[in-house]
Amino acid sequence: MKNNIKIPDLDFNDMEKILNSGVRKRNLFIKYLRDVYKELGFRNIFHDKNELIFIIIIAFIILNISTVSFIESNINEINKFTFITSPILYLVTSVFSFYNSKEKGAFEIEMTCKYNLYQLSAIRMFIFSILTALLNTFMILAGSLINKDINIIRLICISITGLFLFSAIFLYSLITFKNRIVKVLVIAGWVLLNLFLSSFNSSVYNEFLAKVPIYIHLIITAVCIVLYVRSLNKLINLRRKKGEI
């Protein structure tokens, strides 16, 4: 006699709950910052001493170049120089850190914790952006002691606007485009486009930097920061695939 096996009815609502509970939630950026600092600490986030030495050297070089610029340039030239070069420290340190970690550094940590290359890079990039903003502010304050004609508040706003405008564009290109040539063109385009605009119509370019209301700079900066943080959030939720970035 055959045994009758009773098959329970499928409850699709229960199945959906089980599946949803097993799906890994996307990391929220603010929560991620807190969690990664608690679990890894600053020492593991910046685990390569050579990387830190490189950052200090670059910062020192930029500081010296900026000092010379403040001494030898007029206000329009200082505004242009500040806007174009404000993201340089961020760019150099972020690119070096990302590809240095991609080659060697981050994989040791990835073997022992849940954070991957892109998540670690995102936290470094965020820290680099804050450090760059602070260094730029320090250089402007120091420059104001050398050149009394400098409008400190305006120049700080110009610096922060340039930094986060470039950062948002750079991070978007890093995530969106796989071709390295395109990424290089995006980076070079920042300098070349600004030089072209300042040469082609210098009066309008200088007018924008020197006389546009401060609140316009603040609005542009706020929008760029939002876009930048959104791109960082995409980066920390990015799965590592060959050739992805």
C-alpha atoms as a PDB file:
ATOM      1  CA  MET A   1       0.000   0.000   0.000  1.00  0.00           C
ATOM      2  CA  LYS A   2       1.396   3.361  -1.019  1.00  0.00           C
ATOM      3  CA  ASN A   3       2.017   5.976   1.637  1.00  0.00           C
ATOM      4  CA  ASN A   4       0.127   9.155   1.053  1.00  0.00           C
ATOM      5  CA  ILE A   5       2.424  12.135   1.424  1.00  0.00           C
ATOM      6  CA  LYS A   6       0.675  15.344   2.231  1.00  0.00           C
ATOM      7  CA  ILE A   7       2.190  18.287   0.443  1.00  0.00           C
ATOM      8  CA  PRO A   8       1.573  21.572   2.242  1.00  0.00           C
ATOM      9  CA  ASP A   9       0.065  24.449   0.362  1.00  0.00           C
ATOM     10  CA  LEU A  10       2.536  27.083  -0.735  1.00  0.00           C
ATOM     11  CA  ASP A  11       2.116  30.408   0.960  1.00  0.00           C
ATOM     12  CA  PHE A  12       3.607  32.906  -1.447  1.00  0.00           C
ATOM     13  CA  ASN A  13       3.438  35.702   1.112  1.00  0.00           C
ATOM     14  CA  ASP A  14       5.688  33.715   3.452  1.00  0.00           C
ATOM     15  CA  MET A  15       8.037  32.914   0.570  1.00  0.00           C
ATOM     16  CA  GLU A  16       8.321  36.583  -0.303  1.00  0.00           C
ATOM     17  CA  LYS A  17       9.167  37.458   3.315  1.00  0.00           C
ATOM     18  CA  ILE A  18      11.882  34.784   3.413  1.00  0.00           C
ATOM     19  CA  LEU A  19      13.385  35.940   0.127  1.00  0.00           C
ATOM     20  CA  ASN A  20      13.304  39.591   1.130  1.00  0.00           C
ATOM     21  CA  SER A  21      14.962  38.839   4.450  1.00  0.00           C
ATOM     22  CA  GLY A  22      17.784  37.070   2.628  1.00  0.00           C
ATOM     23  CA  VAL A  23      18.444  39.892   0.210  1.00  0.00           C
ATOM     24  CA  ARG A  24      21.323  42.030   1.361  1.00  0.00           C
ATOM     25  CA  LYS A  25      20.184  45.593   1.889  1.00  0.00           C
ATOM     26  CA  ARG A  26      21.977  48.394   0.109  1.00  0.00           C
ATOM     27  CA  ASN A  27      24.338  50.282   2.340  1.00  0.00           C
ATOM     28  CA  LEU A  28      23.302  53.800   3.290  1.00  0.00           C
ATOM     29  CA  PHE A  29      26.271  56.132   3.123  1.00  0.00           C
ATOM     30  CA  ILE A  30      26.015  57.716   6.582  1.00  0.00           C
ATOM     31  CA  LYS A  31      25.446  54.351   8.253  1.00  0.00           C
ATOM     32  CA  TYR A  32      28.302  52.907   6.248  1.00  0.00           C
ATOM     33  CA  LEU A  33      30.693  55.609   7.447  1.00  0.00           C
ATOM     34  CA  ARG A  34      29.853  54.861  11.056  1.00  0.00           C
ATOM     35  CA  ASP A  35      30.039  51.082  10.666  1.00  0.00           C
ATOM     36  CA  VAL A  36      33.284  50.990   8.718  1.00  0.00           C
ATOM     37  CA  TYR A  37      35.038  53.232  11.226  1.00  0.00           C
ATOM     38  CA  LYS A  38      33.839  51.086  14.141  1.00  0.00           C
ATOM     39  CA  GLU A  39      34.858  47.806  12.508  1.00  0.00           C
ATOM     40  CA  LEU A  40      38.104  48.785  10.799  1.00  0.00           C
ATOM     41  CA  GLY A  41      39.403  51.949  12.393  1.00  0.00           C
ATOM     42  CA  PHE A  42      41.596  54.585  10.765  1.00  0.00           C
ATOM     43  CA  ARG A  43      44.693  52.369  10.758  1.00  0.00           C
ATOM     44  CA  ASN A  44      43.078  49.702   8.561  1.00  0.00           C
ATOM     45  CA  ILE A  45      41.347  52.205   6.297  1.00  0.00           C
ATOM     46  CA  PHE A  46      44.767  53.720   5.544  1.00  0.00           C
ATOM     47  CA  HIS A  47      46.825  50.582   5.929  1.00  0.00           C
ATOM     48  CA  ASP A  48      49.599  51.525   3.484  1.00  0.00           C
ATOM     49  CA  LYS A  49      52.192  53.863   5.053  1.00  0.00           C
ATOM     50  CA  ASN A  50      53.639  54.666   1.628  1.00  0.00           C
ATOM     51  CA  GLU A  51      50.233  56.001   0.640  1.00  0.00           C
ATOM     52  CA  LEU A  52      50.190  58.377   3.613  1.00  0.00           C
ATOM     53  CA  ILE A  53      53.737  59.562   2.841  1.00  0.00           C
ATOM     54  CA  PHE A  54      52.712  60.196  -0.773  1.00  0.00           C
ATOM     55  CA  ILE A  55      49.708  62.259   0.369  1.00  0.00           C
ATOM     56  CA  ILE A  56      51.853  64.396   2.681  1.00  0.00           C
ATOM     57  CA  ILE A  57      54.416  65.066  -0.072  1.00  0.00           C
ATOM     58  CA  ILE A  58      51.721  66.072  -2.589  1.00  0.00           C
ATOM     59  CA  ALA A  59      50.059  68.333  -0.021  1.00  0.00           C
ATOM     60  CA  PHE A  60      53.408  70.018   0.694  1.00  0.00           C
ATOM     61  CA  ILE A  61      54.068  70.599  -3.024  1.00  0.00           C
ATOM     62  CA  ILE A  62      50.597  72.074  -3.596  1.00  0.00           C
ATOM     63  CA  LEU A  63      50.995  74.304  -0.541  1.00  0.00           C
ATOM     64  CA  ASN A  64      54.236  75.747  -1.905  1.00  0.00           C
ATOM     65  CA  ILE A  65      52.835  76.294  -5.407  1.00  0.00           C
ATOM     66  CA  SER A  66      49.795  78.052  -3.954  1.00  0.00           C
ATOM     67  CA  THR A  67      51.974  80.326  -1.833  1.00  0.00           C
ATOM     68  CA  VAL A  68      53.904  81.453  -4.926  1.00  0.00           C
ATOM     69  CA  SER A  69      50.624  82.046  -6.765  1.00  0.00           C
ATOM     70  CA  PHE A  70      49.259  84.251  -3.979  1.00  0.00           C
ATOM     71  CA  ILE A  71      52.441  86.347  -3.988  1.00  0.00           C
ATOM     72  CA  GLU A  72      52.838  86.857  -7.746  1.00  0.00           C
ATOM     73  CA  SER A  73      49.250  86.951  -9.092  1.00  0.00           C
ATOM     74  CA  ASN A  74      46.431  89.500  -9.187  1.00  0.00           C
ATOM     75  CA  ILE A  75      42.967  88.775  -7.772  1.00  0.00           C
ATOM     76  CA  ASN A  76      41.482  87.438 -11.031  1.00  0.00           C
ATOM     77  CA  GLU A  77      44.412  85.083 -11.502  1.00  0.00           C
ATOM     78  CA  ILE A  78      44.155  83.923  -7.880  1.00  0.00           C
ATOM     79  CA  ASN A  79      40.422  83.227  -8.303  1.00  0.00           C
ATOM     80  CA  LYS A  80      41.044  81.247 -11.487  1.00  0.00           C
ATOM     81  CA  PHE A  81      43.980  79.360  -9.999  1.00  0.00           C
ATOM     82  CA  THR A  82      41.963  78.468  -6.881  1.00  0.00           C
ATOM     83  CA  PHE A  83      38.922  77.254  -8.824  1.00  0.00           C
ATOM     84  CA  ILE A  84      40.926  75.088 -11.239  1.00  0.00           C
ATOM     85  CA  THR A  85      43.420  73.632  -8.770  1.00  0.00           C
ATOM     86  CA  SER A  86      41.181  73.190  -5.711  1.00  0.00           C
ATOM     87  CA  PRO A  87      40.449  69.513  -6.595  1.00  0.00           C
ATOM     88  CA  ILE A  88      44.066  68.605  -7.460  1.00  0.00           C
ATOM     89  CA  LEU A  89      44.973  67.102  -4.083  1.00  0.00           C
ATOM     90  CA  TYR A  90      41.687  65.178  -4.036  1.00  0.00           C
ATOM     91  CA  LEU A  91      42.256  63.893  -7.568  1.00  0.00           C
ATOM     92  CA  VAL A  92      45.863  62.775  -7.102  1.00  0.00           C
ATOM     93  CA  THR A  93      45.298  61.101  -3.734  1.00  0.00           C
ATOM     94  CA  SER A  94      42.042  59.403  -4.779  1.00  0.00           C
ATOM     95  CA  VAL A  95      43.431  57.987  -8.020  1.00  0.00           C
ATOM     96  CA  PHE A  96      46.672  56.848  -6.401  1.00  0.00           C
ATOM     97  CA  SER A  97      44.859  55.285  -3.440  1.00  0.00           C
ATOM     98  CA  PHE A  98      42.264  53.530  -5.601  1.00  0.00           C
ATOM     99  CA  TYR A  99      44.655  51.902  -8.042  1.00  0.00           C
ATOM    100  CA  ASN A 100      47.253  51.198  -5.366  1.00  0.00           C
ATOM    101  CA  SER A 101      44.602  49.342  -3.349  1.00  0.00           C
ATOM    102  CA  LYS A 102      43.322  47.628  -6.465  1.00  0.00           C
ATOM    103  CA  GLU A 103      46.772  46.215  -7.128  1.00  0.00           C
ATOM    104  CA  LYS A 104      47.649  45.097  -3.612  1.00  0.00           C
ATOM    105  CA  GLY A 105      46.384  46.830  -0.507  1.00  0.00           C
ATOM    106  CA  ALA A 106      42.676  46.208  -0.122  1.00  0.00           C
ATOM    107  CA  PHE A 107      42.667  42.505  -0.879  1.00  0.00           C
ATOM    108  CA  GLU A 108      44.298  41.611   2.445  1.00  0.00           C
ATOM    109  CA  ILE A 109      41.481  43.325   4.322  1.00  0.00           C
ATOM    110  CA  GLU A 110      38.835  41.877   1.998  1.00  0.00           C
ATOM    111  CA  MET A 111      39.915  38.393   3.019  1.00  0.00           C
ATOM    112  CA  THR A 112      39.169  39.119   6.674  1.00  0.00           C
ATOM    113  CA  CYS A 113      36.122  41.414   6.627  1.00  0.00           C
ATOM    114  CA  LYS A 114      32.961  42.148   4.663  1.00  0.00           C
ATOM    115  CA  TYR A 115      34.167  45.353   3.015  1.00  0.00           C
ATOM    116  CA  ASN A 116      35.376  45.216  -0.576  1.00  0.00           C
ATOM    117  CA  LEU A 117      37.725  47.341  -2.651  1.00  0.00           C
ATOM    118  CA  TYR A 118      35.101  49.837  -3.753  1.00  0.00           C
ATOM    119  CA  GLN A 119      33.705  50.322  -0.264  1.00  0.00           C
ATOM    120  CA  LEU A 120      37.151  51.026   1.169  1.00  0.00           C
ATOM    121  CA  SER A 121      37.902  53.363  -1.729  1.00  0.00           C
ATOM    122  CA  ALA A 122      34.659  55.255  -1.142  1.00  0.00           C
ATOM    123  CA  ILE A 123      35.502  55.973   2.493  1.00  0.00           C
ATOM    124  CA  ARG A 124      39.007  57.111   1.515  1.00  0.00           C
ATOM    125  CA  MET A 125      37.636  59.397  -1.194  1.00  0.00           C
ATOM    126  CA  PHE A 126      35.230  60.956   1.281  1.00  0.00           C
ATOM    127  CA  ILE A 127      38.059  61.562   3.751  1.00  0.00           C
ATOM    128  CA  PHE A 128      40.257  62.963   0.951  1.00  0.00           C
ATOM    129  CA  SER A 129      37.530  65.443  -0.030  1.00  0.00           C
ATOM    130  CA  ILE A 130      37.236  66.714   3.552  1.00  0.00           C
ATOM    131  CA  LEU A 131      41.023  66.950   3.965  1.00  0.00           C
ATOM    132  CA  THR A 132      41.330  68.768   0.631  1.00  0.00           C
ATOM    133  CA  ALA A 133      38.665  71.294   1.646  1.00  0.00           C
ATOM    134  CA  LEU A 134      40.497  71.901   4.939  1.00  0.00           C
ATOM    135  CA  LEU A 135      43.897  72.239   3.237  1.00  0.00           C
ATOM    136  CA  ASN A 136      42.478  74.641   0.640  1.00  0.00           C
ATOM    137  CA  THR A 137      40.944  76.739   3.414  1.00  0.00           C
ATOM    138  CA  PHE A 138      44.249  76.799   5.278  1.00  0.00           C
ATOM    139  CA  MET A 139      46.102  77.891   2.121  1.00  0.00           C
ATOM    140  CA  ILE A 140      43.610  80.703   1.533  1.00  0.00           C
ATOM    141  CA  LEU A 141      43.917  81.923   5.127  1.00  0.00           C
ATOM    142  CA  ALA A 142      47.711  81.807   4.844  1.00  0.00           C
ATOM    143  CA  GLY A 143      47.557  83.538   1.464  1.00  0.00           C
ATOM    144  CA  SER A 144      45.452  86.348   2.927  1.00  0.00           C
ATOM    145  CA  LEU A 145      48.385  87.205   5.173  1.00  0.00           C
ATOM    146  CA  ILE A 146      50.554  87.609   2.073  1.00  0.00           C
ATOM    147  CA  ASN A 147      48.034  89.332  -0.201  1.00  0.00           C
ATOM    148  CA  LYS A 148      45.729  91.739   1.652  1.00  0.00           C
ATOM    149  CA  ASP A 149      43.412  92.154  -1.377  1.00  0.00           C
ATOM    150  CA  ILE A 150      42.096  88.586  -1.067  1.00  0.00           C
ATOM    151  CA  ASN A 151      38.414  88.218  -0.201  1.00  0.00           C
ATOM    152  CA  ILE A 152      38.728  85.253   2.168  1.00  0.00           C
ATOM    153  CA  ILE A 153      35.046  84.229   2.251  1.00  0.00           C
ATOM    154  CA  ARG A 154      34.628  84.400  -1.530  1.00  0.00           C
ATOM    155  CA  LEU A 155      37.849  82.526  -2.220  1.00  0.00           C
ATOM    156  CA  ILE A 156      36.909  79.741   0.210  1.00  0.00           C
ATOM    157  CA  CYS A 157      33.516  79.455  -1.536  1.00  0.00           C
ATOM    158  CA  ILE A 158      35.229  79.339  -4.949  1.00  0.00           C
ATOM    159  CA  SER A 159      37.574  76.643  -3.662  1.00  0.00           C
ATOM    160  CA  ILE A 160      34.817  74.442  -2.213  1.00  0.00           C
ATOM    161  CA  THR A 161      32.639  74.891  -5.315  1.00  0.00           C
ATOM    162  CA  GLY A 162      35.500  73.819  -7.590  1.00  0.00           C
ATOM    163  CA  LEU A 163      36.371  70.872  -5.350  1.00  0.00           C
ATOM    164  CA  PHE A 164      32.919  69.318  -5.143  1.00  0.00           C
ATOM    165  CA  LEU A 165      31.930  70.172  -8.723  1.00  0.00           C
ATOM    166  CA  PHE A 166      34.976  68.292  -9.976  1.00  0.00           C
ATOM    167  CA  SER A 167      34.554  65.493  -7.403  1.00  0.00           C
ATOM    168  CA  ALA A 168      30.981  64.833  -8.524  1.00  0.00           C
ATOM    169  CA  ILE A 169      32.021  64.729 -12.201  1.00  0.00           C
ATOM    170  CA  PHE A 170      35.095  62.600 -11.490  1.00  0.00           C
ATOM    171  CA  LEU A 171      33.263  60.008  -9.400  1.00  0.00           C
ATOM    172  CA  TYR A 172      30.425  59.785 -11.932  1.00  0.00           C
ATOM    173  CA  SER A 173      32.935  59.079 -14.710  1.00  0.00           C
ATOM    174  CA  LEU A 174      34.755  56.537 -12.527  1.00  0.00           C
ATOM    175  CA  ILE A 175      31.562  54.539 -11.987  1.00  0.00           C
ATOM    176  CA  THR A 176      29.967  55.025 -15.407  1.00  0.00           C
ATOM    177  CA  PHE A 177      32.821  54.600 -17.890  1.00  0.00           C
ATOM    178  CA  LYS A 178      34.960  51.461 -18.119  1.00  0.00           C
ATOM    179  CA  ASN A 179      37.427  52.849 -20.638  1.00  0.00           C
ATOM    180  CA  ARG A 180      40.409  54.451 -18.894  1.00  0.00           C
ATOM    181  CA  ILE A 181      40.974  56.832 -21.800  1.00  0.00           C
ATOM    182  CA  VAL A 182      37.524  58.336 -21.238  1.00  0.00           C
ATOM    183  CA  LYS A 183      38.324  58.825 -17.540  1.00  0.00           C
ATOM    184  CA  VAL A 184      41.606  60.547 -18.404  1.00  0.00           C
ATOM    185  CA  LEU A 185      39.767  62.810 -20.859  1.00  0.00           C
ATOM    186  CA  VAL A 186      37.259  63.744 -18.154  1.00  0.00           C
ATOM    187  CA  ILE A 187      40.094  64.694 -15.791  1.00  0.00           C
ATOM    188  CA  ALA A 188      42.033  66.607 -18.456  1.00  0.00           C
ATOM    189  CA  GLY A 189      38.802  68.223 -19.609  1.00  0.00           C
ATOM    190  CA  TRP A 190      38.385  69.957 -16.254  1.00  0.00           C
ATOM    191  CA  VAL A 191      41.643  71.878 -16.633  1.00  0.00           C
ATOM    192  CA  LEU A 192      41.424  72.410 -20.402  1.00  0.00           C
ATOM    193  CA  LEU A 193      37.802  73.593 -20.346  1.00  0.00           C
ATOM    194  CA  ASN A 194      38.486  76.092 -17.583  1.00  0.00           C
ATOM    195  CA  LEU A 195      41.595  77.386 -19.339  1.00  0.00           C
ATOM    196  CA  PHE A 196      39.627  77.703 -22.591  1.00  0.00           C
ATOM    197  CA  LEU A 197      36.755  79.572 -20.926  1.00  0.00           C
ATOM    198  CA  SER A 198      39.108  81.899 -19.078  1.00  0.00           C
ATOM    199  CA  SER A 199      41.019  82.650 -22.303  1.00  0.00           C
ATOM    200  CA  PHE A 200      38.072  82.776 -24.735  1.00  0.00           C
ATOM    201  CA  ASN A 201      35.937  85.087 -22.620  1.00  0.00           C
ATOM    202  CA  SER A 202      38.006  86.080 -19.635  1.00  0.00           C
ATOM    203  CA  SER A 203      35.737  88.949 -18.588  1.00  0.00           C
ATOM    204  CA  VAL A 204      32.676  86.694 -18.164  1.00  0.00           C
ATOM    205  CA  TYR A 205      34.726  83.957 -16.485  1.00  0.00           C
ATOM    206  CA  ASN A 206      36.357  86.386 -14.068  1.00  0.00           C
ATOM    207  CA  GLU A 207      33.021  88.095 -13.451  1.00  0.00           C
ATOM    208  CA  PHE A 208      31.463  84.780 -12.468  1.00  0.00           C
ATOM    209  CA  LEU A 209      34.229  83.976 -10.004  1.00  0.00           C
ATOM    210  CA  ALA A 210      34.689  87.485  -8.605  1.00  0.00           C
ATOM    211  CA  LYS A 211      31.199  88.995  -8.498  1.00  0.00           C
ATOM    212  CA  VAL A 212      28.534  86.292  -8.573  1.00  0.00           C
ATOM    213  CA  PRO A 213      26.648  86.320  -5.232  1.00  0.00           C
ATOM    214  CA  ILE A 214      28.065  84.040  -2.551  1.00  0.00           C
ATOM    215  CA  TYR A 215      24.747  82.218  -2.211  1.00  0.00           C
ATOM    216  CA  ILE A 216      25.017  81.078  -5.848  1.00  0.00           C
ATOM    217  CA  HIS A 217      28.329  79.409  -5.024  1.00  0.00           C
ATOM    218  CA  LEU A 218      26.702  77.823  -1.979  1.00  0.00           C
ATOM    219  CA  ILE A 219      23.749  76.505  -4.023  1.00  0.00           C
ATOM    220  CA  ILE A 220      26.060  75.033  -6.677  1.00  0.00           C
ATOM    221  CA  THR A 221      28.226  73.506  -3.950  1.00  0.00           C
ATOM    222  CA  ALA A 222      25.208  72.006  -2.144  1.00  0.00           C
ATOM    223  CA  VAL A 223      23.940  70.388  -5.361  1.00  0.00           C
ATOM    224  CA  CYS A 224      27.406  69.013  -6.147  1.00  0.00           C
ATOM    225  CA  ILE A 225      27.803  67.603  -2.622  1.00  0.00           C
ATOM    226  CA  VAL A 226      24.456  65.789  -2.935  1.00  0.00           C
ATOM    227  CA  LEU A 227      25.486  64.316  -6.313  1.00  0.00           C
ATOM    228  CA  TYR A 228      28.908  63.429  -4.912  1.00  0.00           C
ATOM    229  CA  VAL A 229      27.478  61.590  -1.889  1.00  0.00           C
ATOM    230  CA  ARG A 230      25.017  59.736  -4.138  1.00  0.00           C
ATOM    231  CA  SER A 231      27.903  58.602  -6.333  1.00  0.00           C
ATOM    232  CA  LEU A 232      29.847  57.483  -3.251  1.00  0.00           C
ATOM    233  CA  ASN A 233      26.793  55.510  -2.163  1.00  0.00           C
ATOM    234  CA  LYS A 234      26.701  53.807  -5.574  1.00  0.00           C
ATOM    235  CA  LEU A 235      30.386  53.007  -5.238  1.00  0.00           C
ATOM    236  CA  ILE A 236      30.018  51.287  -1.866  1.00  0.00           C
ATOM    237  CA  ASN A 237      27.192  49.146  -3.234  1.00  0.00           C
ATOM    238  CA  LEU A 238      29.120  48.179  -6.344  1.00  0.00           C
ATOM    239  CA  ARG A 239      29.919  44.515  -6.854  1.00  0.00           C
ATOM    240  CA  ARG A 240      33.469  43.828  -7.954  1.00  0.00           C
ATOM    241  CA  LYS A 241      33.631  42.407 -11.453  1.00  0.00           C
ATOM    242  CA  LYS A 242      36.558  42.124 -13.788  1.00  0.00           C
ATOM    243  CA  GLY A 243      36.906  45.308 -15.757  1.00  0.00           C
ATOM    244  CA  GLU A 244      34.151  47.060 -13.850  1.00  0.00           C
ATOM    245  CA  ILE A 245      36.192  50.099 -12.903  1.00  0.00           C
END
